[in-house]
C-alpha atoms as a PDB file:
ATOM      1  CA  MET A   1      68.225 200.856 149.498  1.00  0.00           C
ATOM      2  CA  ALA A   2      70.254 203.984 149.073  1.00  0.00           C
ATOM      3  CA  ALA A   3      70.502 205.675 145.556  1.00  0.00           C
ATOM      4  CA  ALA A   4      74.099 204.842 145.134  1.00  0.00           C
ATOM      5  CA  ASP A   5      73.242 201.113 145.892  1.00  0.00           C
ATOM      6  CA  GLN A   6      70.667 201.346 143.287  1.00  0.00           C
ATOM      7  CA  VAL A   7      72.918 202.572 140.638  1.00  0.00           C
ATOM      8  CA  GLU A   8      75.578 199.875 141.566  1.00  0.00           C
ATOM      9  CA  GLN A   9      72.829 197.228 141.191  1.00  0.00           C
ATOM     10  CA  ARG A  10      71.476 198.432 137.909  1.00  0.00           C
ATOM     11  CA  TYR A  11      75.026 198.576 136.717  1.00  0.00           C
ATOM     12  CA  ARG A  12      75.944 195.019 137.860  1.00  0.00           C
ATOM     13  CA  LEU A  13      72.810 193.682 136.159  1.00  0.00           C
ATOM     14  CA  LEU A  14      73.510 195.647 133.203  1.00  0.00           C
ATOM     15  CA  PHE A  15      77.014 194.440 132.789  1.00  0.00           C
ATOM     16  CA  GLU A  16      75.919 190.724 133.612  1.00  0.00           C
ATOM     17  CA  ARG A  17      73.209 190.856 130.971  1.00  0.00           C
ATOM     18  CA  HIS A  18      75.083 192.375 128.356  1.00  0.00           C
ATOM     19  CA  TRP A  19      78.837 192.138 128.442  1.00  0.00           C
ATOM     20  CA  ARG A  20      79.090 188.808 126.254  1.00  0.00           C
ATOM     21  CA  ARG A  21      77.270 190.340 123.490  1.00  0.00           C
ATOM     22  CA  VAL A  22      79.226 193.827 123.703  1.00  0.00           C
ATOM     23  CA  PHE A  23      82.574 191.694 123.855  1.00  0.00           C
ATOM     24  CA  ALA A  24      81.257 189.493 120.794  1.00  0.00           C
ATOM     25  CA  TYR A  25      80.529 192.713 118.877  1.00  0.00           C
ATOM     26  CA  ALA A  26      83.921 194.358 119.696  1.00  0.00           C
ATOM     27  CA  LEU A  27      85.642 191.190 118.984  1.00  0.00           C
ATOM     28  CA  ARG A  28      84.264 190.841 115.483  1.00  0.00           C
ATOM     29  CA  ARG A  29      85.422 194.311 114.646  1.00  0.00           C
ATOM     30  CA  SER A  30      88.660 194.491 116.280  1.00  0.00           C
ATOM     31  CA  PRO A  31      92.145 193.203 115.250  1.00  0.00           C
ATOM     32  CA  ASN A  32      92.712 191.129 118.279  1.00  0.00           C
ATOM     33  CA  ARG A  33      91.240 190.156 121.863  1.00  0.00           C
ATOM     34  CA  ALA A  34      93.384 192.725 123.546  1.00  0.00           C
ATOM     35  CA  ALA A  35      91.678 195.761 121.382  1.00  0.00           C
ATOM     36  CA  ALA A  36      88.354 194.060 122.046  1.00  0.00           C
ATOM     37  CA  ASP A  37      88.759 194.042 125.768  1.00  0.00           C
ATOM     38  CA  ASP A  38      89.812 197.813 125.549  1.00  0.00           C
ATOM     39  CA  VAL A  39      86.619 198.468 123.725  1.00  0.00           C
ATOM     40  CA  VAL A  40      84.521 196.667 126.221  1.00  0.00           C
ATOM     41  CA  ALA A  41      86.123 198.569 129.091  1.00  0.00           C
ATOM     42  CA  ASP A  42      85.395 201.843 127.422  1.00  0.00           C
ATOM     43  CA  VAL A  43      81.932 200.878 126.888  1.00  0.00           C
ATOM     44  CA  PHE A  44      81.230 200.000 130.381  1.00  0.00           C
ATOM     45  CA  LEU A  45      83.213 202.856 131.686  1.00  0.00           C
ATOM     46  CA  THR A  46      80.688 205.110 129.723  1.00  0.00           C
ATOM     47  CA  ALA A  47      77.802 203.114 131.032  1.00  0.00           C
ATOM     48  CA  TRP A  48      79.016 203.701 134.513  1.00  0.00           C
ATOM     49  CA  ARG A  49      79.139 207.396 134.008  1.00  0.00           C
ATOM     50  CA  ARG A  50      75.964 207.655 132.200  1.00  0.00           C
ATOM     51  CA  ILE A  51      73.778 204.981 133.719  1.00  0.00           C
ATOM     52  CA  GLY A  52      70.987 207.514 134.193  1.00  0.00           C
ATOM     53  CA  ASP A  53      70.957 207.954 130.606  1.00  0.00           C
ATOM     54  CA  ILE A  54      70.443 204.278 129.431  1.00  0.00           C
ATOM     55  CA  PRO A  55      66.984 203.063 128.230  1.00  0.00           C
ATOM     56  CA  ASP A  56      65.556 200.035 129.910  1.00  0.00           C
ATOM     57  CA  ASP A  57      63.957 198.789 126.789  1.00  0.00           C
ATOM     58  CA  TYR A  58      67.317 199.370 124.654  1.00  0.00           C
ATOM     59  CA  GLU A  59      70.032 198.660 127.180  1.00  0.00           C
ATOM     60  CA  LEU A  60      71.843 196.390 124.499  1.00  0.00           C
ATOM     61  CA  ALA A  61      71.151 198.709 121.518  1.00  0.00           C
ATOM     62  CA  TRP A  62      72.700 201.817 123.583  1.00  0.00           C
ATOM     63  CA  LEU A  63      75.575 199.750 124.572  1.00  0.00           C
ATOM     64  CA  LEU A  64      76.475 198.781 121.189  1.00  0.00           C
ATOM     65  CA  ALA A  65      76.030 202.295 119.845  1.00  0.00           C
ATOM     66  CA  VAL A  66      78.798 203.349 122.367  1.00  0.00           C
ATOM     67  CA  ALA A  67      80.901 200.511 121.231  1.00  0.00           C
ATOM     68  CA  ARG A  68      80.303 201.622 117.704  1.00  0.00           C
ATOM     69  CA  LYS A  69      81.612 205.172 118.520  1.00  0.00           C
ATOM     70  CA  VAL A  70      84.516 203.724 120.727  1.00  0.00           C
ATOM     71  CA  LEU A  71      85.746 201.542 117.643  1.00  0.00           C
ATOM     72  CA  ALA A  72      85.439 204.424 115.104  1.00  0.00           C
ATOM     73  CA  ASN A  73      87.500 206.456 117.527  1.00  0.00           C
ATOM     74  CA  ALA A  74      90.041 203.728 117.796  1.00  0.00           C
ATOM     75  CA  SER A  75      89.913 203.341 113.898  1.00  0.00           C
ATOM     76  CA  ARG A  76      90.730 206.878 113.547  1.00  0.00           C
ATOM     77  CA  GLY A  77      93.668 206.741 116.051  1.00  0.00           C
ATOM     78  CA  ASP A  78      94.945 203.740 114.115  1.00  0.00           C
ATOM     79  CA  ALA A  79      94.907 205.764 110.732  1.00  0.00           C
ATOM     80  CA  ARG A  80      96.792 208.510 112.657  1.00  0.00           C
ATOM     81  CA  ARG A  81      99.303 205.779 113.560  1.00  0.00           C
ATOM     82  CA  ASP A  82      99.589 204.127 110.452  1.00  0.00           C
ATOM     83  CA  ARG A  83     100.453 207.376 108.636  1.00  0.00           C
ATOM     84  CA  LEU A  84     103.077 208.167 111.282  1.00  0.00           C
ATOM     85  CA  LEU A  85     104.472 204.554 110.934  1.00  0.00           C
ATOM     86  CA  ALA A  86     104.533 205.090 107.061  1.00  0.00           C
ATOM     87  CA  ARG A  87     106.401 208.444 107.458  1.00  0.00           C
ATOM     88  CA  LEU A  88     108.896 206.571 109.701  1.00  0.00           C
ATOM     89  CA  HIS A  89     109.260 203.587 107.425  1.00  0.00           C
ATOM     90  CA  GLN A  90     110.157 205.876 104.712  1.00  0.00           C
ATOM     91  CA  ALA A  91     112.722 207.618 106.653  1.00  0.00           C
ATOM     92  CA  ALA A  92     114.203 204.241 108.138  1.00  0.00           C
ATOM     93  CA  PRO A  93     117.081 202.385 106.622  1.00  0.00           C
ATOM     94  CA  SER A  94     116.202 199.629 104.369  1.00  0.00           C
ATOM     95  CA  GLY A  95     115.592 196.308 105.906  1.00  0.00           C
ATOM     96  CA  GLN A  96     114.497 197.662 109.199  1.00  0.00           C
ATOM     97  CA  ALA A  97     110.717 197.777 108.632  1.00  0.00           C
ATOM     98  CA  ALA A  98     108.531 195.222 110.465  1.00  0.00           C
ATOM     99  CA  GLU A  99     106.717 192.687 108.646  1.00  0.00           C
ATOM    100  CA  VAL A 100     103.047 192.511 108.751  1.00  0.00           C
ATOM    101  CA  GLU A 101     101.307 189.037 109.420  1.00  0.00           C
ATOM    102  CA  ALA A 102      97.797 188.443 107.950  1.00  0.00           C
ATOM    103  CA  ALA A 103      95.595 186.321 109.905  1.00  0.00           C
ATOM    104  CA  ALA A 104      93.855 183.338 107.721  1.00  0.00           C
ATOM    105  CA  ASP A 105      90.421 181.998 108.277  1.00  0.00           C
ATOM    106  CA  ASP A 106      90.323 178.087 108.058  1.00  0.00           C
ATOM    107  CA  ASP A 107      86.522 178.406 107.223  1.00  0.00           C
ATOM    108  CA  GLU A 108      86.221 178.983 103.558  1.00  0.00           C
ATOM    109  CA  ALA A 109      82.699 179.965 103.399  1.00  0.00           C
ATOM    110  CA  ALA A 110      83.202 182.305 106.164  1.00  0.00           C
ATOM    111  CA  GLU A 111      86.423 183.734 104.450  1.00  0.00           C
ATOM    112  CA  GLN A 112      84.152 184.288 101.534  1.00  0.00           C
ATOM    113  CA  VAL A 113      81.429 186.019 103.252  1.00  0.00           C
ATOM    114  CA  ARG A 114      84.142 188.198 105.262  1.00  0.00           C
ATOM    115  CA  ALA A 115      85.729 189.129 101.849  1.00  0.00           C
ATOM    116  CA  ALA A 116      82.323 190.213 100.367  1.00  0.00           C
ATOM    117  CA  LEU A 117      81.626 192.146 103.553  1.00  0.00           C
ATOM    118  CA  GLY A 118      84.897 193.799 103.368  1.00  0.00           C
ATOM    119  CA  ARG A 119      84.226 194.824  99.867  1.00  0.00           C
ATOM    120  CA  LEU A 120      80.846 196.421 100.883  1.00  0.00           C
ATOM    121  CA  ARG A 121      80.550 200.124 102.103  1.00  0.00           C
ATOM    122  CA  GLU A 122      80.903 200.387 105.760  1.00  0.00           C
ATOM    123  CA  ALA A 123      77.362 201.234 106.349  1.00  0.00           C
ATOM    124  CA  ASP A 124      76.168 198.068 104.373  1.00  0.00           C
ATOM    125  CA  ALA A 125      78.780 195.780 106.377  1.00  0.00           C
ATOM    126  CA  GLU A 126      77.770 197.592 109.862  1.00  0.00           C
ATOM    127  CA  ILE A 127      73.772 196.904 109.139  1.00  0.00           C
ATOM    128  CA  LEU A 128      74.413 193.332 108.200  1.00  0.00           C
ATOM    129  CA  GLN A 129      76.532 192.470 111.046  1.00  0.00           C
ATOM    130  CA  LEU A 130      73.980 194.225 113.532  1.00  0.00           C
ATOM    131  CA  ALA A 131      71.051 192.100 112.147  1.00  0.00           C
ATOM    132  CA  THR A 132      73.122 188.816 111.567  1.00  0.00           C
ATOM    133  CA  TRP A 133      75.805 188.640 114.259  1.00  0.00           C
ATOM    134  CA  GLU A 134      74.367 190.797 116.971  1.00  0.00           C
ATOM    135  CA  ARG A 135      70.758 189.550 116.052  1.00  0.00           C
ATOM    136  CA  LEU A 136      69.304 192.854 116.836  1.00  0.00           C
ATOM    137  CA  PRO A 137      65.724 193.627 115.767  1.00  0.00           C
ATOM    138  CA  HIS A 138      64.988 196.603 113.310  1.00  0.00           C
ATOM    139  CA  ALA A 139      63.993 199.007 116.177  1.00  0.00           C
ATOM    140  CA  GLN A 140      67.357 198.257 118.240  1.00  0.00           C
ATOM    141  CA  ILE A 141      69.350 198.488 114.972  1.00  0.00           C
ATOM    142  CA  ALA A 142      67.595 201.716 114.661  1.00  0.00           C
ATOM    143  CA  VAL A 143      69.042 203.050 118.130  1.00  0.00           C
ATOM    144  CA  VAL A 144      72.516 201.894 117.267  1.00  0.00           C
ATOM    145  CA  LEU A 145      72.680 203.609 113.843  1.00  0.00           C
ATOM    146  CA  GLU A 146      70.730 206.601 114.965  1.00  0.00           C
ATOM    147  CA  CYS A 147      68.018 206.428 112.239  1.00  0.00           C
ATOM    148  CA  THR A 148      64.268 205.320 111.636  1.00  0.00           C
ATOM    149  CA  VAL A 149      63.075 201.747 111.703  1.00  0.00           C
ATOM    150  CA  ASN A 150      61.966 202.284 108.340  1.00  0.00           C
ATOM    151  CA  ALA A 151      65.271 203.447 107.222  1.00  0.00           C
ATOM    152  CA  VAL A 152      66.822 200.049 108.670  1.00  0.00           C
ATOM    153  CA  ALA A 153      64.397 198.022 107.044  1.00  0.00           C
ATOM    154  CA  ILE A 154      65.367 199.628 103.467  1.00  0.00           C
ATOM    155  CA  ARG A 155      69.137 199.964 104.245  1.00  0.00           C
ATOM    156  CA  LEU A 156      69.104 196.141 105.543  1.00  0.00           C
ATOM    157  CA  HIS A 157      67.166 195.049 102.085  1.00  0.00           C
ATOM    158  CA  ARG A 158      69.802 197.015  99.902  1.00  0.00           C
ATOM    159  CA  ALA A 159      72.854 195.870 101.855  1.00  0.00           C
ATOM    160  CA  ARG A 160      71.507 192.159 101.504  1.00  0.00           C
ATOM    161  CA  GLN A 161      71.206 192.688  97.902  1.00  0.00           C
ATOM    162  CA  ARG A 162      74.638 194.018  97.555  1.00  0.00           C
ATOM    163  CA  LEU A 163      76.328 191.158  99.535  1.00  0.00           C
ATOM    164  CA  SER A 164      74.582 188.802  97.392  1.00  0.00           C
ATOM    165  CA  GLU A 165      76.042 190.365  94.336  1.00  0.00           C
ATOM    166  CA  GLU A 166      79.566 190.384  95.920  1.00  0.00           C
ATOM    167  CA  LEU A 167      79.314 186.706  96.734  1.00  0.00           C
ATOM    168  CA  ALA A 168      77.872 185.992  93.118  1.00  0.00           C
ATOM    169  CA  LYS A 169      81.079 187.757  91.873  1.00  0.00           C
ATOM    170  CA  GLU A 170      83.360 185.828  93.918  1.00  0.00           C
ATOM    171  CA  SER A 171      81.788 182.530  93.219  1.00  0.00           C
ATOM    172  CA  GLY A 172      81.667 183.298  89.402  1.00  0.00           C
ATOM    173  CA  THR A 173      78.112 182.965  89.257  1.00  0.00           C
ATOM    174  CA  THR A 174      75.841 185.228  87.389  1.00  0.00           C
ATOM    175  CA  GLY A 175      72.167 185.948  87.362  1.00  0.00           C
ATOM    176  CA  HIS A 176      69.467 185.577  90.147  1.00  0.00           C
ATOM    177  CA  ASN A 177      68.269 182.091  89.373  1.00  0.00           C
ATOM    178  CA  GLU A 178      71.023 180.144  91.559  1.00  0.00           C
ATOM    179  CA  PRO A 179      69.927 179.631  95.075  1.00  0.00           C
ATOM    180  CA  THR A 180      72.218 180.912  97.688  1.00  0.00           C
ATOM    181  CA  SER A 181      73.882 178.928 100.258  1.00  0.00           C
ATOM    182  CA  PRO A 182      72.620 178.699 103.685  1.00  0.00           C
ATOM    183  CA  THR A 183      76.094 179.967 104.903  1.00  0.00           C
ATOM    184  CA  HIS A 184      75.444 183.293 102.949  1.00  0.00           C
ATOM    185  CA  SER A 185      71.824 183.964 104.077  1.00  0.00           C
ATOM    186  CA  PHE A 186      70.950 186.498 106.622  1.00  0.00           C
ATOM    187  CA  PRO A 187      67.899 185.933 108.567  1.00  0.00           C
ATOM    188  CA  ASP A 188      65.299 188.908 108.607  1.00  0.00           C
ATOM    189  CA  ASN A 189      64.921 190.237 112.172  1.00  0.00           C
ATOM    190  CA  THR A 190      61.634 192.234 111.769  1.00  0.00           C
ATOM    191  CA  PRO A 191      60.131 192.837 115.060  1.00  0.00           C
END
């Protein structure tokens, strides 16, 4: 098999194995499906260009690290756009500004968790999402976050504590003796 064919075959396998998980990762962090599609396209374009750099044992983690950077770049671009829109809004005649629609989640428990995640530091929310939503083991989270496995364990433990505190604030409970609802628990993905 020619080298070009081997590269194409590896890329196809990589895409088939991981595109759903990369899309799910992007969708949970994007404002809509179209934005998530753009993130996935950028991730797999990067994967095509850097196919030789992708470690065999950490393909998904590598792809999610790229997705994280693509999302960060998009976020910075969105912030620049929002600042421009704010300046345009101030200069526009009254009554001509577009209204912003807020999406509501029907599942109250999921909304409580999302709200609590939203109040956490970005780093805490990200590590919880990688462990829970993406179900990555500590070693792969370490690749995504570019830190050690030990640092992942410590950060994840602290993030879980902070999330529990936020959920307790929202539900009005105090103290540490009340059991946590299964909806709010985050499994330990220790390898």
